[in-house]
Amino acid sequence: MKYQPIDRAPGAFQQAVPPQAIEEMCRRAFGPGTEVLAAVELGGGMYNSTYRLEFADGRQTVLRVAPEPDRQFRSERALMRNEYATVPYLAPVAHLVPRVLAADFTHQVLGRDHLFQTFLDGLPAPQGLPLHPRPAWRGFYAQLGTVAREIHGVRGPWFGTVAGPGHRTWSEAVLAGLTDTAADLADTGTPFDDVEELIALAGRHRAVLDRITEPRLLHGDLWNINLMIAPDSPAPVITGVLDCDRAHWGDPEADWTIFMAARRPGTERDAFWDTWGPLAADPEAAWRRLLYTARHLAAVRLESVRLADPEQAAATVDDLRALLDRLARGVR
């Protein structure tokens, strides 16, 4: 088997999967006679280890392998199992989502969760979009608005991660997630006092959060890096939606997609709102969005620690402090 891992530092978060383990995973999933010709590690993702596999019968498959359990933050625990539980709920956009061919959570081969998915043709959007003139990007963001609206239209049984545990109210889910993030930051020796302030503010304004009474599906990480586009189209066309491992039930305006779409007003991103629809205009919704932005910044800080990016982690401090000051004034 041709084995092509990405060269990483010994202490990097993502750890290569030995070739012998890949071959054994394939035999368990597809039969003892399965012959793997090549395993090429794919870049782009920052959590799981991902390989494009080529088999002797001509098939191509994607293998994704989760980090070892003891390397996972409590706020990111068992993300692959959450993705596995989420796929059936992505039925409105199923034609864009890779199919799961097999999954193995036994840890008998390597001690790490792994699954196999169909290989999607196309270019990652960060690579494909620059091949098109900027005015054409509006069509891309309008398509993204449609995809997000379809996902957000799915109703759920509780608040919190799709795989559970579920929470009875939205405030309980938000507070549980923030508490885990604060504990993870504490474990890594990263400042988290401002996150504790955020938890206290959210607790004092539970009633504002609990105006959200109907759990909707949130992808959790739906943005350019997790989208594929057609390679030879005269305009950017979305052909794939990847990595729903952070999916949860909650307020659609809390999704990462909404945070990113709103970051650069006056650009081609504005086309997102043409198809997704307008944001809620009442003061309580505006306060919730500030809280959601602060929550995203806390998550970015934690991810920066995992990626050994202290500059990005430090950049969240002033922004989060400014948001805390605005949140403390309450609903206006």
C-alpha atoms as a PDB file:
ATOM      1  CA  MET A   1       0.000   0.000   0.000  1.00  0.00           C
ATOM      2  CA  LYS A   2       1.225   3.473  -0.886  1.00  0.00           C
ATOM      3  CA  TYR A   3       1.117   5.389   2.392  1.00  0.00           C
ATOM      4  CA  GLN A   4       1.351   9.185   2.349  1.00  0.00           C
ATOM      5  CA  PRO A   5       0.877  10.866   5.736  1.00  0.00           C
ATOM      6  CA  ILE A   6       1.253  14.586   6.413  1.00  0.00           C
ATOM      7  CA  ASP A   7       4.548  15.412   8.075  1.00  0.00           C
ATOM      8  CA  ARG A   8       3.736  16.879  11.491  1.00  0.00           C
ATOM      9  CA  ALA A   9       5.717  17.677  14.618  1.00  0.00           C
ATOM     10  CA  PRO A  10       5.821  14.823  17.160  1.00  0.00           C
ATOM     11  CA  GLY A  11       3.629  16.703  19.638  1.00  0.00           C
ATOM     12  CA  ALA A  12       1.013  17.863  17.119  1.00  0.00           C
ATOM     13  CA  PHE A  13      -2.612  17.319  18.064  1.00  0.00           C
ATOM     14  CA  GLN A  14      -3.428  15.304  14.947  1.00  0.00           C
ATOM     15  CA  GLN A  15      -1.630  11.972  14.989  1.00  0.00           C
ATOM     16  CA  ALA A  16      -1.030   9.807  11.920  1.00  0.00           C
ATOM     17  CA  VAL A  17      -2.699   6.406  11.678  1.00  0.00           C
ATOM     18  CA  PRO A  18      -0.208   3.567  11.057  1.00  0.00           C
ATOM     19  CA  PRO A  19      -0.594   1.884   7.647  1.00  0.00           C
ATOM     20  CA  GLN A  20      -1.144  -1.529   9.234  1.00  0.00           C
ATOM     21  CA  ALA A  21      -4.064  -0.117  11.226  1.00  0.00           C
ATOM     22  CA  ILE A  22      -5.601   1.398   8.082  1.00  0.00           C
ATOM     23  CA  GLU A  23      -5.460  -1.945   6.301  1.00  0.00           C
ATOM     24  CA  GLU A  24      -7.034  -3.738   9.265  1.00  0.00           C
ATOM     25  CA  MET A  25      -9.782  -1.109   9.531  1.00  0.00           C
ATOM     26  CA  CYS A  26     -10.587  -1.650   5.850  1.00  0.00           C
ATOM     27  CA  ARG A  27     -10.693  -5.434   6.171  1.00  0.00           C
ATOM     28  CA  ARG A  28     -13.090  -5.184   9.113  1.00  0.00           C
ATOM     29  CA  ALA A  29     -15.351  -2.754   7.267  1.00  0.00           C
ATOM     30  CA  PHE A  30     -15.331  -4.222   3.743  1.00  0.00           C
ATOM     31  CA  GLY A  31     -14.230  -7.835   4.079  1.00  0.00           C
ATOM     32  CA  PRO A  32     -11.034  -9.857   4.569  1.00  0.00           C
ATOM     33  CA  GLY A  33     -10.092  -9.725   0.877  1.00  0.00           C
ATOM     34  CA  THR A  34     -10.069  -5.925   0.707  1.00  0.00           C
ATOM     35  CA  GLU A  35      -6.882  -4.607  -0.891  1.00  0.00           C
ATOM     36  CA  VAL A  36      -5.903  -0.991  -0.280  1.00  0.00           C
ATOM     37  CA  LEU A  37      -3.627   0.485  -2.938  1.00  0.00           C
ATOM     38  CA  ALA A  38      -3.099   3.937  -1.412  1.00  0.00           C
ATOM     39  CA  ALA A  39      -3.833   5.939   1.718  1.00  0.00           C
ATOM     40  CA  VAL A  40      -3.198   9.674   1.319  1.00  0.00           C
ATOM     41  CA  GLU A  41      -3.747  11.930   4.316  1.00  0.00           C
ATOM     42  CA  LEU A  42      -5.817  15.009   3.538  1.00  0.00           C
ATOM     43  CA  GLY A  43      -5.126  18.448   4.998  1.00  0.00           C
ATOM     44  CA  GLY A  44      -7.679  21.138   5.720  1.00  0.00           C
ATOM     45  CA  GLY A  45      -9.350  19.578   8.744  1.00  0.00           C
ATOM     46  CA  MET A  46      -7.936  20.377  12.166  1.00  0.00           C
ATOM     47  CA  TYR A  47      -9.456  17.701  14.391  1.00  0.00           C
ATOM     48  CA  ASN A  48      -9.791  14.218  12.908  1.00  0.00           C
ATOM     49  CA  SER A  49      -7.111  12.481  10.846  1.00  0.00           C
ATOM     50  CA  THR A  50      -8.528  12.029   7.343  1.00  0.00           C
ATOM     51  CA  TYR A  51      -7.329   9.806   4.486  1.00  0.00           C
ATOM     52  CA  ARG A  52      -8.376   9.310   0.897  1.00  0.00           C
ATOM     53  CA  LEU A  53      -8.223   5.569   0.219  1.00  0.00           C
ATOM     54  CA  GLU A  54      -7.909   3.868  -3.151  1.00  0.00           C
ATOM     55  CA  PHE A  55      -8.884   0.197  -3.424  1.00  0.00           C
ATOM     56  CA  ALA A  56      -7.790  -2.402  -5.941  1.00  0.00           C
ATOM     57  CA  ASP A  57     -11.325  -2.546  -7.394  1.00  0.00           C
ATOM     58  CA  GLY A  58     -11.174   1.137  -8.323  1.00  0.00           C
ATOM     59  CA  ARG A  59     -13.228   2.545  -5.443  1.00  0.00           C
ATOM     60  CA  GLN A  60     -12.232   5.669  -3.547  1.00  0.00           C
ATOM     61  CA  THR A  61     -13.300   6.145   0.071  1.00  0.00           C
ATOM     62  CA  VAL A  62     -12.587   8.572   2.881  1.00  0.00           C
ATOM     63  CA  LEU A  63     -11.406   7.283   6.267  1.00  0.00           C
ATOM     64  CA  ARG A  64     -11.737   9.633   9.229  1.00  0.00           C
ATOM     65  CA  VAL A  65     -10.116   8.750  12.545  1.00  0.00           C
ATOM     66  CA  ALA A  66     -10.897  10.646  15.750  1.00  0.00           C
ATOM     67  CA  PRO A  67      -8.258  11.701  18.282  1.00  0.00           C
ATOM     68  CA  GLU A  68      -7.542   9.374  21.172  1.00  0.00           C
ATOM     69  CA  PRO A  69     -10.136   9.886  23.932  1.00  0.00           C
ATOM     70  CA  ASP A  70      -7.623  11.247  26.431  1.00  0.00           C
ATOM     71  CA  ARG A  71      -6.594  13.962  23.943  1.00  0.00           C
ATOM     72  CA  GLN A  72     -10.146  15.276  23.575  1.00  0.00           C
ATOM     73  CA  PHE A  73     -11.433  18.288  25.490  1.00  0.00           C
ATOM     74  CA  ARG A  74     -14.603  17.652  27.492  1.00  0.00           C
ATOM     75  CA  SER A  75     -16.397  20.184  25.267  1.00  0.00           C
ATOM     76  CA  GLU A  76     -15.295  18.231  22.170  1.00  0.00           C
ATOM     77  CA  ARG A  77     -15.722  14.716  23.494  1.00  0.00           C
ATOM     78  CA  ALA A  78     -16.986  12.010  21.104  1.00  0.00           C
ATOM     79  CA  LEU A  79     -17.555  14.420  18.214  1.00  0.00           C
ATOM     80  CA  MET A  80     -17.432  11.600  15.678  1.00  0.00           C
ATOM     81  CA  ARG A  81     -20.224   9.762  17.479  1.00  0.00           C
ATOM     82  CA  ASN A  82     -22.223  12.982  17.436  1.00  0.00           C
ATOM     83  CA  GLU A  83     -21.710  13.248  13.671  1.00  0.00           C
ATOM     84  CA  TYR A  84     -22.835   9.645  13.223  1.00  0.00           C
ATOM     85  CA  ALA A  85     -26.024  10.441  15.145  1.00  0.00           C
ATOM     86  CA  THR A  86     -26.599  13.641  13.147  1.00  0.00           C
ATOM     87  CA  VAL A  87     -26.484  12.297   9.579  1.00  0.00           C
ATOM     88  CA  PRO A  88     -30.131  11.077   9.474  1.00  0.00           C
ATOM     89  CA  TYR A  89     -31.321  14.540  10.473  1.00  0.00           C
ATOM     90  CA  LEU A  90     -29.532  16.116   7.504  1.00  0.00           C
ATOM     91  CA  ALA A  91     -32.101  14.573   5.161  1.00  0.00           C
ATOM     92  CA  PRO A  92     -33.085  17.929   3.582  1.00  0.00           C
ATOM     93  CA  VAL A  93     -29.512  18.294   2.261  1.00  0.00           C
ATOM     94  CA  ALA A  94     -28.664  14.588   2.027  1.00  0.00           C
ATOM     95  CA  HIS A  95     -27.611  14.951  -1.615  1.00  0.00           C
ATOM     96  CA  LEU A  96     -24.740  17.172  -0.423  1.00  0.00           C
ATOM     97  CA  VAL A  97     -23.602  15.066   2.544  1.00  0.00           C
ATOM     98  CA  PRO A  98     -21.162  12.139   2.246  1.00  0.00           C
ATOM     99  CA  ARG A  99     -22.760   8.791   3.081  1.00  0.00           C
ATOM    100  CA  VAL A 100     -21.396   6.809   6.003  1.00  0.00           C
ATOM    101  CA  LEU A 101     -20.293   3.412   4.672  1.00  0.00           C
ATOM    102  CA  ALA A 102     -19.124   1.903   7.959  1.00  0.00           C
ATOM    103  CA  ALA A 103     -18.282   3.010  11.485  1.00  0.00           C
ATOM    104  CA  ASP A 104     -16.283   1.352  14.255  1.00  0.00           C
ATOM    105  CA  PHE A 105     -16.384   2.662  17.821  1.00  0.00           C
ATOM    106  CA  THR A 106     -15.046  -0.539  19.437  1.00  0.00           C
ATOM    107  CA  HIS A 107     -11.424   0.718  19.717  1.00  0.00           C
ATOM    108  CA  GLN A 108     -10.235  -2.802  18.973  1.00  0.00           C
ATOM    109  CA  VAL A 109      -7.880  -1.771  16.157  1.00  0.00           C
ATOM    110  CA  LEU A 110      -6.335   1.490  17.325  1.00  0.00           C
ATOM    111  CA  GLY A 111      -8.143   2.809  20.388  1.00  0.00           C
ATOM    112  CA  ARG A 112      -9.786   5.587  18.349  1.00  0.00           C
ATOM    113  CA  ASP A 113     -13.247   5.977  16.818  1.00  0.00           C
ATOM    114  CA  HIS A 114     -13.248   5.847  13.022  1.00  0.00           C
ATOM    115  CA  LEU A 115     -15.654   5.809  10.120  1.00  0.00           C
ATOM    116  CA  PHE A 116     -15.650   5.481   6.350  1.00  0.00           C
ATOM    117  CA  GLN A 117     -17.516   7.875   4.060  1.00  0.00           C
ATOM    118  CA  THR A 118     -18.095   8.240   0.349  1.00  0.00           C
ATOM    119  CA  PHE A 119     -15.573  10.419  -1.459  1.00  0.00           C
ATOM    120  CA  LEU A 120     -17.077  13.682  -2.754  1.00  0.00           C
ATOM    121  CA  ASP A 121     -15.742  15.160  -5.969  1.00  0.00           C
ATOM    122  CA  GLY A 122     -15.092  18.875  -6.090  1.00  0.00           C
ATOM    123  CA  LEU A 123     -12.831  21.530  -4.648  1.00  0.00           C
ATOM    124  CA  PRO A 124     -12.809  22.784  -1.071  1.00  0.00           C
ATOM    125  CA  ALA A 125     -14.450  26.202  -1.204  1.00  0.00           C
ATOM    126  CA  PRO A 126     -11.353  28.042   0.137  1.00  0.00           C
ATOM    127  CA  GLN A 127      -9.483  26.764  -2.930  1.00  0.00           C
ATOM    128  CA  GLY A 128     -12.291  26.998  -5.456  1.00  0.00           C
ATOM    129  CA  LEU A 129     -13.790  30.409  -4.684  1.00  0.00           C
ATOM    130  CA  PRO A 130     -10.659  32.391  -5.650  1.00  0.00           C
ATOM    131  CA  LEU A 131     -10.929  30.869  -9.145  1.00  0.00           C
ATOM    132  CA  HIS A 132     -14.085  32.936  -9.684  1.00  0.00           C
ATOM    133  CA  PRO A 133     -14.493  36.727  -9.843  1.00  0.00           C
ATOM    134  CA  ARG A 134     -15.654  38.309  -6.582  1.00  0.00           C
ATOM    135  CA  PRO A 135     -19.102  39.332  -7.902  1.00  0.00           C
ATOM    136  CA  ALA A 136     -19.829  35.617  -8.529  1.00  0.00           C
ATOM    137  CA  TRP A 137     -19.290  34.893  -4.837  1.00  0.00           C
ATOM    138  CA  ARG A 138     -22.698  36.364  -4.062  1.00  0.00           C
ATOM    139  CA  GLY A 139     -24.278  33.328  -5.695  1.00  0.00           C
ATOM    140  CA  PHE A 140     -22.177  31.058  -3.482  1.00  0.00           C
ATOM    141  CA  TYR A 141     -23.324  32.794  -0.291  1.00  0.00           C
ATOM    142  CA  ALA A 142     -26.929  32.778  -1.468  1.00  0.00           C
ATOM    143  CA  GLN A 143     -26.645  28.995  -1.903  1.00  0.00           C
ATOM    144  CA  LEU A 144     -25.118  28.745   1.569  1.00  0.00           C
ATOM    145  CA  GLY A 145     -28.103  30.643   2.972  1.00  0.00           C
ATOM    146  CA  THR A 146     -30.429  28.100   1.383  1.00  0.00           C
ATOM    147  CA  VAL A 147     -28.439  25.153   2.773  1.00  0.00           C
ATOM    148  CA  ALA A 148     -28.395  26.665   6.264  1.00  0.00           C
ATOM    149  CA  ARG A 149     -32.136  27.396   6.117  1.00  0.00           C
ATOM    150  CA  GLU A 150     -32.868  23.785   5.154  1.00  0.00           C
ATOM    151  CA  ILE A 151     -30.780  22.480   8.051  1.00  0.00           C
ATOM    152  CA  HIS A 152     -32.282  24.932  10.535  1.00  0.00           C
ATOM    153  CA  GLY A 153     -35.753  23.823   9.491  1.00  0.00           C
ATOM    154  CA  VAL A 154     -35.272  20.413  11.150  1.00  0.00           C
ATOM    155  CA  ARG A 155     -36.870  20.189  14.609  1.00  0.00           C
ATOM    156  CA  GLY A 156     -35.293  18.228  17.432  1.00  0.00           C
ATOM    157  CA  PRO A 157     -36.271  16.453  20.670  1.00  0.00           C
ATOM    158  CA  TRP A 158     -34.133  18.468  23.110  1.00  0.00           C
ATOM    159  CA  PHE A 159     -31.507  21.191  23.407  1.00  0.00           C
ATOM    160  CA  GLY A 160     -27.816  20.284  23.190  1.00  0.00           C
ATOM    161  CA  THR A 161     -25.771  17.882  21.111  1.00  0.00           C
ATOM    162  CA  VAL A 162     -27.635  15.571  18.756  1.00  0.00           C
ATOM    163  CA  ALA A 163     -26.183  12.450  20.373  1.00  0.00           C
ATOM    164  CA  GLY A 164     -27.036  13.781  23.825  1.00  0.00           C
ATOM    165  CA  PRO A 165     -27.171  14.214  26.669  1.00  0.00           C
ATOM    166  CA  GLY A 166     -30.092  16.511  25.996  1.00  0.00           C
ATOM    167  CA  HIS A 167     -31.294  19.471  28.033  1.00  0.00           C
ATOM    168  CA  ARG A 168     -34.834  20.513  28.793  1.00  0.00           C
ATOM    169  CA  THR A 169     -34.229  24.215  28.107  1.00  0.00           C
ATOM    170  CA  TRP A 170     -31.977  26.273  25.851  1.00  0.00           C
ATOM    171  CA  SER A 171     -30.419  28.073  28.825  1.00  0.00           C
ATOM    172  CA  GLU A 172     -29.386  24.742  30.337  1.00  0.00           C
ATOM    173  CA  ALA A 173     -27.677  23.733  27.096  1.00  0.00           C
ATOM    174  CA  VAL A 174     -25.872  27.081  26.706  1.00  0.00           C
ATOM    175  CA  LEU A 175     -24.687  27.080  30.317  1.00  0.00           C
ATOM    176  CA  ALA A 176     -23.515  23.463  30.114  1.00  0.00           C
ATOM    177  CA  GLY A 177     -21.465  24.189  26.996  1.00  0.00           C
ATOM    178  CA  LEU A 178     -19.885  27.321  28.465  1.00  0.00           C
ATOM    179  CA  THR A 179     -19.077  25.515  31.705  1.00  0.00           C
ATOM    180  CA  ASP A 180     -17.268  22.762  29.800  1.00  0.00           C
ATOM    181  CA  THR A 181     -15.322  25.347  27.790  1.00  0.00           C
ATOM    182  CA  ALA A 182     -14.263  27.184  30.942  1.00  0.00           C
ATOM    183  CA  ALA A 183     -13.135  23.913  32.545  1.00  0.00           C
ATOM    184  CA  ASP A 184     -11.153  22.982  29.427  1.00  0.00           C
ATOM    185  CA  LEU A 185      -9.428  26.379  29.427  1.00  0.00           C
ATOM    186  CA  ALA A 186      -8.623  25.953  33.113  1.00  0.00           C
ATOM    187  CA  ASP A 187      -7.130  22.509  32.467  1.00  0.00           C
ATOM    188  CA  THR A 188      -4.773  23.986  29.860  1.00  0.00           C
ATOM    189  CA  GLY A 189      -3.703  26.895  32.045  1.00  0.00           C
ATOM    190  CA  THR A 190      -5.382  29.425  29.757  1.00  0.00           C
ATOM    191  CA  PRO A 191      -7.124  32.491  31.250  1.00  0.00           C
ATOM    192  CA  PHE A 192     -10.852  31.906  31.606  1.00  0.00           C
ATOM    193  CA  ASP A 193     -12.094  34.524  34.085  1.00  0.00           C
ATOM    194  CA  ASP A 194     -13.998  36.309  31.332  1.00  0.00           C
ATOM    195  CA  VAL A 195     -15.709  33.042  30.362  1.00  0.00           C
ATOM    196  CA  GLU A 196     -16.819  32.645  33.977  1.00  0.00           C
ATOM    197  CA  GLU A 197     -18.282  36.165  33.768  1.00  0.00           C
ATOM    198  CA  LEU A 198     -20.093  35.118  30.625  1.00  0.00           C
ATOM    199  CA  ILE A 199     -21.546  32.100  32.446  1.00  0.00           C
ATOM    200  CA  ALA A 200     -22.779  34.341  35.251  1.00  0.00           C
ATOM    201  CA  LEU A 201     -24.418  36.746  32.777  1.00  0.00           C
ATOM    202  CA  ALA A 202     -26.101  33.909  30.926  1.00  0.00           C
ATOM    203  CA  GLY A 203     -27.372  32.535  34.221  1.00  0.00           C
ATOM    204  CA  ARG A 204     -28.856  35.870  35.231  1.00  0.00           C
ATOM    205  CA  HIS A 205     -30.646  36.152  31.895  1.00  0.00           C
ATOM    206  CA  ARG A 206     -31.953  32.609  31.617  1.00  0.00           C
ATOM    207  CA  ALA A 207     -35.420  33.907  30.805  1.00  0.00           C
ATOM    208  CA  VAL A 208     -34.113  35.670  27.686  1.00  0.00           C
ATOM    209  CA  LEU A 209     -32.461  32.474  26.472  1.00  0.00           C
ATOM    210  CA  ASP A 210     -35.547  30.434  27.276  1.00  0.00           C
ATOM    211  CA  ARG A 211     -37.674  32.462  24.905  1.00  0.00           C
ATOM    212  CA  ILE A 212     -36.259  29.870  22.493  1.00  0.00           C
ATOM    213  CA  THR A 213     -38.607  26.955  23.039  1.00  0.00           C
ATOM    214  CA  GLU A 214     -38.286  24.914  19.839  1.00  0.00           C
ATOM    215  CA  PRO A 215     -34.957  23.129  19.281  1.00  0.00           C
ATOM    216  CA  ARG A 216     -33.736  23.365  15.683  1.00  0.00           C
ATOM    217  CA  LEU A 217     -30.794  21.619  14.047  1.00  0.00           C
ATOM    218  CA  LEU A 218     -27.538  23.603  13.957  1.00  0.00           C
ATOM    219  CA  HIS A 219     -24.653  22.273  11.862  1.00  0.00           C
ATOM    220  CA  GLY A 220     -22.144  23.830  14.240  1.00  0.00           C
ATOM    221  CA  ASP A 221     -19.335  24.396  11.706  1.00  0.00           C
ATOM    222  CA  LEU A 222     -20.991  25.267   8.406  1.00  0.00           C
ATOM    223  CA  TRP A 223     -18.737  27.663   6.532  1.00  0.00           C
ATOM    224  CA  ASN A 224     -16.376  27.741   3.548  1.00  0.00           C
ATOM    225  CA  ILE A 225     -13.826  25.336   4.990  1.00  0.00           C
ATOM    226  CA  ASN A 226     -16.469  22.614   5.207  1.00  0.00           C
ATOM    227  CA  LEU A 227     -18.032  23.156   1.789  1.00  0.00           C
ATOM    228  CA  MET A 228     -17.143  21.672  -1.592  1.00  0.00           C
ATOM    229  CA  ILE A 229     -17.828  23.386  -4.908  1.00  0.00           C
ATOM    230  CA  ALA A 230     -17.962  22.134  -8.494  1.00  0.00           C
ATOM    231  CA  PRO A 231     -14.481  22.227 -10.076  1.00  0.00           C
ATOM    232  CA  ASP A 232     -15.441  23.142 -13.646  1.00  0.00           C
ATOM    233  CA  SER A 233     -18.524  25.311 -13.259  1.00  0.00           C
ATOM    234  CA  PRO A 234     -18.587  28.868 -14.669  1.00  0.00           C
ATOM    235  CA  ALA A 235     -19.936  30.015 -11.274  1.00  0.00           C
ATOM    236  CA  PRO A 236     -19.343  28.574  -7.801  1.00  0.00           C
ATOM    237  CA  VAL A 237     -21.846  25.794  -7.104  1.00  0.00           C
ATOM    238  CA  ILE A 238     -21.953  24.049  -3.714  1.00  0.00           C
ATOM    239  CA  THR A 239     -21.660  20.278  -4.173  1.00  0.00           C
ATOM    240  CA  GLY A 240     -20.763  19.064  -0.686  1.00  0.00           C
ATOM    241  CA  VAL A 241     -21.345  19.749   3.018  1.00  0.00           C
ATOM    242  CA  LEU A 242     -18.804  18.205   5.383  1.00  0.00           C
ATOM    243  CA  ASP A 243     -18.012  17.738   9.087  1.00  0.00           C
ATOM    244  CA  CYS A 244     -21.246  17.990  11.046  1.00  0.00           C
ATOM    245  CA  ASP A 245     -19.588  16.622  14.189  1.00  0.00           C
ATOM    246  CA  ARG A 246     -20.433  19.762  16.200  1.00  0.00           C
ATOM    247  CA  ALA A 247     -24.136  19.621  15.342  1.00  0.00           C
ATOM    248  CA  HIS A 248     -26.599  20.400  18.117  1.00  0.00           C
ATOM    249  CA  TRP A 249     -30.187  21.400  18.780  1.00  0.00           C
ATOM    250  CA  GLY A 250     -30.811  25.030  19.613  1.00  0.00           C
ATOM    251  CA  ASP A 251     -31.501  28.528  18.329  1.00  0.00           C
ATOM    252  CA  PRO A 252     -30.583  28.851  14.618  1.00  0.00           C
ATOM    253  CA  GLU A 253     -29.177  32.333  15.280  1.00  0.00           C
ATOM    254  CA  ALA A 254     -26.582  30.667  17.527  1.00  0.00           C
ATOM    255  CA  ASP A 255     -25.078  28.664  14.661  1.00  0.00           C
ATOM    256  CA  TRP A 256     -21.482  29.308  13.587  1.00  0.00           C
ATOM    257  CA  THR A 257     -22.818  30.055  10.107  1.00  0.00           C
ATOM    258  CA  ILE A 258     -24.768  33.070  11.351  1.00  0.00           C
ATOM    259  CA  PHE A 259     -21.739  34.378  13.234  1.00  0.00           C
ATOM    260  CA  MET A 260     -19.560  34.138  10.124  1.00  0.00           C
ATOM    261  CA  ALA A 261     -22.138  35.518   7.684  1.00  0.00           C
ATOM    262  CA  ALA A 262     -22.589  38.632   9.838  1.00  0.00           C
ATOM    263  CA  ARG A 263     -18.887  39.382  10.261  1.00  0.00           C
ATOM    264  CA  ARG A 264     -18.333  41.397   7.066  1.00  0.00           C
ATOM    265  CA  PRO A 265     -21.422  43.435   6.237  1.00  0.00           C
ATOM    266  CA  GLY A 266     -21.332  45.261   2.936  1.00  0.00           C
ATOM    267  CA  THR A 267     -19.568  42.401   1.140  1.00  0.00           C
ATOM    268  CA  GLU A 268     -20.722  39.480  -0.998  1.00  0.00           C
ATOM    269  CA  ARG A 269     -21.632  37.684   2.243  1.00  0.00           C
ATOM    270  CA  ASP A 270     -24.762  39.828   2.411  1.00  0.00           C
ATOM    271  CA  ALA A 271     -26.324  37.520  -0.204  1.00  0.00           C
ATOM    272  CA  PHE A 272     -26.610  34.913   2.559  1.00  0.00           C
ATOM    273  CA  TRP A 273     -29.497  36.867   4.124  1.00  0.00           C
ATOM    274  CA  ASP A 274     -31.366  36.996   0.793  1.00  0.00           C
ATOM    275  CA  THR A 275     -32.078  33.268   1.102  1.00  0.00           C
ATOM    276  CA  TRP A 276     -31.718  32.484   4.810  1.00  0.00           C
ATOM    277  CA  GLY A 277     -33.934  35.384   5.791  1.00  0.00           C
ATOM    278  CA  PRO A 278     -33.584  38.346   8.150  1.00  0.00           C
ATOM    279  CA  LEU A 279     -32.365  38.101  11.716  1.00  0.00           C
ATOM    280  CA  ALA A 280     -34.875  38.702  14.486  1.00  0.00           C
ATOM    281  CA  ALA A 281     -35.059  42.422  15.239  1.00  0.00           C
ATOM    282  CA  ASP A 282     -36.332  42.540  18.839  1.00  0.00           C
ATOM    283  CA  PRO A 283     -33.999  43.624  21.696  1.00  0.00           C
ATOM    284  CA  GLU A 284     -33.944  40.191  23.340  1.00  0.00           C
ATOM    285  CA  ALA A 285     -32.812  38.524  20.099  1.00  0.00           C
ATOM    286  CA  ALA A 286     -30.072  41.151  19.733  1.00  0.00           C
ATOM    287  CA  TRP A 287     -28.886  40.399  23.287  1.00  0.00           C
ATOM    288  CA  ARG A 288     -28.861  36.670  22.589  1.00  0.00           C
ATOM    289  CA  ARG A 289     -26.753  37.215  19.466  1.00  0.00           C
ATOM    290  CA  LEU A 290     -24.177  39.116  21.529  1.00  0.00           C
ATOM    291  CA  LEU A 291     -24.062  36.168  23.906  1.00  0.00           C
ATOM    292  CA  TYR A 292     -23.688  33.731  21.017  1.00  0.00           C
ATOM    293  CA  THR A 293     -20.809  35.777  19.610  1.00  0.00           C
ATOM    294  CA  ALA A 294     -19.104  35.708  22.995  1.00  0.00           C
ATOM    295  CA  ARG A 295     -19.643  31.960  23.186  1.00  0.00           C
ATOM    296  CA  HIS A 296     -18.010  31.528  19.770  1.00  0.00           C
ATOM    297  CA  LEU A 297     -15.021  33.608  20.873  1.00  0.00           C
ATOM    298  CA  ALA A 298     -14.555  31.394  23.926  1.00  0.00           C
ATOM    299  CA  ALA A 299     -14.606  28.327  21.667  1.00  0.00           C
ATOM    300  CA  VAL A 300     -12.097  29.956  19.302  1.00  0.00           C
ATOM    301  CA  ARG A 301      -9.766  30.574  22.249  1.00  0.00           C
ATOM    302  CA  LEU A 302      -9.939  26.922  23.255  1.00  0.00           C
ATOM    303  CA  GLU A 303      -9.344  25.748  19.683  1.00  0.00           C
ATOM    304  CA  SER A 304      -6.357  28.116  19.475  1.00  0.00           C
ATOM    305  CA  VAL A 305      -4.865  26.365  22.486  1.00  0.00           C
ATOM    306  CA  ARG A 306      -5.329  22.988  20.806  1.00  0.00           C
ATOM    307  CA  LEU A 307      -3.710  24.319  17.629  1.00  0.00           C
ATOM    308  CA  ALA A 308      -0.832  25.925  19.576  1.00  0.00           C
ATOM    309  CA  ASP A 309      -1.755  29.403  18.295  1.00  0.00           C
ATOM    310  CA  PRO A 310      -1.259  31.747  21.275  1.00  0.00           C
ATOM    311  CA  GLU A 311      -1.672  34.893  19.147  1.00  0.00           C
ATOM    312  CA  GLN A 312      -5.181  33.923  18.095  1.00  0.00           C
ATOM    313  CA  ALA A 313      -6.048  32.961  21.667  1.00  0.00           C
ATOM    314  CA  ALA A 314      -4.839  36.354  22.932  1.00  0.00           C
ATOM    315  CA  ALA A 315      -6.822  38.164  20.233  1.00  0.00           C
ATOM    316  CA  THR A 316     -10.086  36.931  21.768  1.00  0.00           C
ATOM    317  CA  VAL A 317      -9.472  38.680  25.095  1.00  0.00           C
ATOM    318  CA  ASP A 318     -10.267  42.286  24.134  1.00  0.00           C
ATOM    319  CA  ASP A 319     -13.170  41.280  21.908  1.00  0.00           C
ATOM    320  CA  LEU A 320     -14.754  39.161  24.613  1.00  0.00           C
ATOM    321  CA  ARG A 321     -14.281  41.914  27.203  1.00  0.00           C
ATOM    322  CA  ALA A 322     -16.083  44.401  24.961  1.00  0.00           C
ATOM    323  CA  LEU A 323     -18.967  41.976  24.521  1.00  0.00           C
ATOM    324  CA  LEU A 324     -19.206  41.367  28.256  1.00  0.00           C
ATOM    325  CA  ASP A 325     -19.565  45.099  28.837  1.00  0.00           C
ATOM    326  CA  ARG A 326     -22.418  45.277  26.347  1.00  0.00           C
ATOM    327  CA  LEU A 327     -24.106  42.154  27.716  1.00  0.00           C
ATOM    328  CA  ALA A 328     -23.923  43.479  31.265  1.00  0.00           C
ATOM    329  CA  ARG A 329     -26.130  46.435  30.286  1.00  0.00           C
ATOM    330  CA  GLY A 330     -28.899  43.941  29.719  1.00  0.00           C
ATOM    331  CA  VAL A 331     -31.635  43.919  27.095  1.00  0.00           C
ATOM    332  CA  ARG A 332     -32.275  47.351  25.555  1.00  0.00           C
END
